[in-house]
Amino acid sequence: MKVNNNKRKYNSKIRKKLNKLFGKKKAQELEVDHIKPLADGGKDTKKNIQLLTKKEHLEKTTMENKKRNKLKNRKS
């Protein structure tokens, strides 16, 4: 459970910084994305995160999941 608490604290810090930089309303439109997904071996580091709009994040995640499932099916 400690990992989840640390992740929550980390996400809370990022959200506070976004609110300060962009204002609360604009910050709510942004999401933190892992450039190389954690599921694909990406790290939870500053170098591996970027800001995307909710729409962009959803599109990227959907594409990554399709690609991952396609590779998984090939191995089966």
Protein backbone atom coordinates (compact mmCIF):
# COMPACT_ATOMS: atom_id res chain seq x y z
CA MET A 1 0.00 0.00 0.00
CA LYS A 2 2.94 2.36 0.53
CA VAL A 3 3.50 2.63 -3.23
CA ASN A 4 -0.09 3.79 -3.74
CA ASN A 5 0.26 6.42 -1.00
CA ASN A 6 3.53 7.65 -2.51
CA LYS A 7 1.97 7.79 -5.97
CA ARG A 8 -1.00 9.75 -4.59
CA LYS A 9 1.37 12.22 -2.92
CA TYR A 10 3.40 12.53 -6.13
CA ASN A 11 0.27 13.11 -8.23
CA SER A 12 -0.99 15.64 -5.69
CA LYS A 13 2.30 17.57 -5.91
CA ILE A 14 2.11 17.60 -9.70
CA ARG A 15 -1.53 18.75 -9.61
CA LYS A 16 -0.63 21.61 -7.22
CA LYS A 17 2.22 22.70 -9.51
CA LEU A 18 -0.07 22.59 -12.54
CA ASN A 19 -2.68 24.68 -10.73
CA LYS A 20 -0.02 27.23 -9.83
CA LEU A 21 1.43 27.38 -13.36
CA PHE A 22 -1.76 27.31 -15.43
CA GLY A 23 -4.55 28.19 -13.05
CA LYS A 24 -6.96 25.62 -11.67
CA LYS A 25 -9.40 25.65 -14.59
CA LYS A 26 -6.74 25.18 -17.27
CA ALA A 27 -4.83 22.64 -15.16
CA GLN A 28 -7.94 20.47 -14.94
CA GLU A 29 -7.76 20.04 -18.73
CA LEU A 30 -4.25 18.55 -18.48
CA GLU A 31 -3.10 15.07 -17.53
CA VAL A 32 0.32 13.66 -16.81
CA ASP A 33 1.33 10.98 -19.30
CA HIS A 34 4.23 8.56 -19.23
CA ILE A 35 6.10 8.90 -22.53
CA LYS A 36 7.17 5.26 -22.31
CA PRO A 37 4.28 3.55 -20.51
CA LEU A 38 4.95 1.90 -17.17
CA ALA A 39 3.40 -1.27 -18.61
CA ASP A 40 6.14 -1.28 -21.25
CA GLY A 41 8.98 -0.80 -18.78
CA GLY A 42 8.88 3.00 -18.54
CA LYS A 43 9.97 4.67 -15.33
CA ASP A 44 8.03 7.03 -13.07
CA THR A 45 10.55 9.85 -13.51
CA LYS A 46 10.47 13.49 -14.61
CA LYS A 47 12.22 12.59 -17.89
CA ASN A 48 9.44 10.12 -18.73
CA ILE A 49 6.41 12.33 -18.19
CA GLN A 50 4.68 14.91 -20.33
CA LEU A 51 1.51 16.95 -20.16
CA LEU A 52 -1.32 16.11 -22.52
CA THR A 53 -4.91 17.19 -22.78
CA LYS A 54 -7.41 14.58 -21.61
CA LYS A 55 -8.34 13.88 -25.23
CA GLU A 56 -4.70 13.45 -26.33
CA HIS A 57 -3.99 11.22 -23.32
CA LEU A 58 -6.98 9.00 -24.08
CA GLU A 59 -6.00 8.71 -27.75
CA LYS A 60 -2.38 7.87 -26.90
CA THR A 61 -3.35 5.33 -24.25
CA THR A 62 -5.87 3.67 -26.60
CA MET A 63 -3.24 3.39 -29.33
CA GLU A 64 -0.67 1.97 -26.90
CA ASN A 65 -3.14 -0.60 -25.57
CA LYS A 66 -4.07 -1.72 -29.09
CA LYS A 67 -0.39 -2.08 -29.98
CA ARG A 68 0.31 -4.01 -26.76
CA ASN A 69 -2.67 -6.35 -27.34
CA LYS A 70 -1.61 -6.96 -30.94
CA LEU A 71 1.89 -7.96 -29.79
CA LYS A 72 0.42 -10.13 -27.03
CA ASN A 73 -1.81 -11.95 -29.53
CA ARG A 74 1.13 -12.62 -31.84
CA LYS A 75 2.99 -14.34 -29.03
CA SER A 76 0.03 -16.60 -28.27
